[in-house]
Amino acid sequence: MNAGLIAGLRAQLGGSRDGALLRYSLGNALLAQGDFAAAIEALQQALAFDPRYSAAWKALGRAQAQAGDSAAADASFEQGIAVAQARGDVQAAKEMAVFRKRLHKPAS
């Protein structure tokens, strides 16, 4: 199912529907599949279309964290929190703050 979704989304890249939402959707599908490098690339492209897309910042931070790049994830969550707060997206800011706190929590 996910492979078909990813193929369908990739087929639309560069077309008239290409934009932040398409790249975000692709990034989320790739993240769910565990392809963190491709997810990071798609989510960065989503943010190139719309740097105020707080959901894309959250997904990017999650992908970077799962890829093992805590520093990049921390920076993405920090930027995402600022964007979410500026837009009044309180829930996204809270979620990213929780994810960010988990990055700094010592491993047990």
Protein backbone atom coordinates (compact mmCIF):
# COMPACT_ATOMS: atom_id res chain seq x y z
CA MET A 1 0.00 0.00 0.00
CA ASN A 2 2.67 2.50 1.01
CA ALA A 3 4.80 1.71 -2.04
CA GLY A 4 1.86 2.52 -4.30
CA LEU A 5 1.18 5.75 -2.44
CA ILE A 6 4.83 6.78 -2.68
CA ALA A 7 4.93 5.97 -6.41
CA GLY A 8 1.78 8.01 -6.98
CA LEU A 9 3.15 10.98 -5.08
CA ARG A 10 6.48 10.81 -6.88
CA ALA A 11 4.66 10.75 -10.22
CA GLN A 12 3.20 14.18 -9.40
CA LEU A 13 6.55 15.83 -8.59
CA GLY A 14 7.35 18.66 -10.95
CA GLY A 15 3.76 18.88 -12.14
CA SER A 16 1.06 21.44 -11.58
CA ARG A 17 0.23 20.01 -8.13
CA ASP A 18 3.82 20.10 -6.88
CA GLY A 19 4.27 22.11 -3.73
CA ALA A 20 4.66 21.97 0.01
CA LEU A 21 1.68 19.67 0.60
CA LEU A 22 2.78 17.13 -2.01
CA ARG A 23 6.37 17.08 -0.71
CA TYR A 24 5.12 16.86 2.90
CA SER A 25 2.83 13.94 1.99
CA LEU A 26 5.70 12.17 0.25
CA GLY A 27 8.00 12.80 3.21
CA ASN A 28 5.45 11.40 5.65
CA ALA A 29 4.92 8.29 3.53
CA LEU A 30 8.68 7.75 3.29
CA LEU A 31 9.04 8.29 7.03
CA ALA A 32 6.35 5.67 7.72
CA GLN A 33 8.21 3.28 5.41
CA GLY A 34 11.47 3.87 7.31
CA ASP A 35 13.33 5.54 4.44
CA PHE A 36 14.63 8.36 6.61
CA ALA A 37 17.11 9.85 4.13
CA ALA A 38 14.48 10.17 1.40
CA ALA A 39 11.94 11.48 3.93
CA ILE A 40 14.37 14.15 5.09
CA GLU A 41 14.99 15.24 1.50
CA ALA A 42 11.26 15.43 0.67
CA LEU A 43 10.48 17.34 3.87
CA GLN A 44 13.30 19.81 3.26
CA GLN A 45 11.85 20.38 -0.20
CA ALA A 46 8.41 20.96 1.35
CA LEU A 47 9.95 23.60 3.57
CA ALA A 48 11.67 25.19 0.58
CA PHE A 49 8.17 25.72 -0.85
CA ASP A 50 6.75 26.95 2.46
CA PRO A 51 9.12 27.60 5.39
CA ARG A 52 6.09 28.38 7.59
CA TYR A 53 4.70 24.82 7.32
CA SER A 54 4.91 23.76 10.98
CA ALA A 55 3.78 20.17 10.32
CA ALA A 56 6.68 19.75 7.90
CA TRP A 57 9.13 21.00 10.55
CA LYS A 58 7.73 18.45 13.00
CA ALA A 59 7.99 15.59 10.50
CA LEU A 60 11.50 16.69 9.47
CA GLY A 61 12.66 16.66 13.09
CA ARG A 62 11.16 13.21 13.61
CA ALA A 63 12.85 11.87 10.47
CA GLN A 64 16.21 13.34 11.48
CA ALA A 65 15.89 11.92 15.00
CA GLN A 66 15.04 8.48 13.67
CA ALA A 67 17.99 8.72 11.27
CA GLY A 68 20.22 9.32 14.31
CA ASP A 69 20.98 12.99 13.66
CA SER A 70 19.97 14.48 17.01
CA ALA A 71 21.62 17.84 16.35
CA ALA A 72 19.71 18.36 13.10
CA ALA A 73 16.48 17.16 14.74
CA ASP A 74 16.97 19.57 17.62
CA ALA A 75 17.51 22.46 15.20
CA SER A 76 14.43 21.50 13.16
CA PHE A 77 12.24 21.24 16.24
CA GLU A 78 13.56 24.59 17.49
CA GLN A 79 12.77 26.25 14.16
CA GLY A 80 9.44 24.44 13.96
CA ILE A 81 8.42 25.62 17.43
CA ALA A 82 9.20 29.22 16.46
CA VAL A 83 7.20 28.88 13.24
CA ALA A 84 4.27 27.21 15.01
CA GLN A 85 4.18 29.85 17.73
CA ALA A 86 4.28 32.66 15.16
CA ARG A 87 1.32 31.08 13.36
CA GLY A 88 -0.62 30.35 16.53
CA ASP A 89 -0.32 26.59 16.01
CA VAL A 90 -0.16 25.81 19.71
CA GLN A 91 -0.62 22.05 19.43
CA ALA A 92 2.24 21.61 16.93
CA ALA A 93 4.52 23.75 19.12
CA LYS A 94 3.69 21.61 22.17
CA GLU A 95 4.31 18.37 20.27
CA MET A 96 7.67 19.56 18.97
CA ALA A 97 8.66 20.70 22.46
CA VAL A 98 7.94 17.18 23.74
CA PHE A 99 9.94 15.60 20.90
CA ARG A 100 12.78 18.03 21.55
CA LYS A 101 12.79 17.23 25.26
CA ARG A 102 13.03 13.52 24.44
CA LEU A 103 16.13 14.21 22.34
CA HIS A 104 17.86 15.65 25.41
CA LYS A 105 16.73 12.90 27.77
CA PRO A 106 19.64 10.64 28.76
CA ALA A 107 19.37 7.06 27.50
CA SER A 108 18.55 4.63 30.26
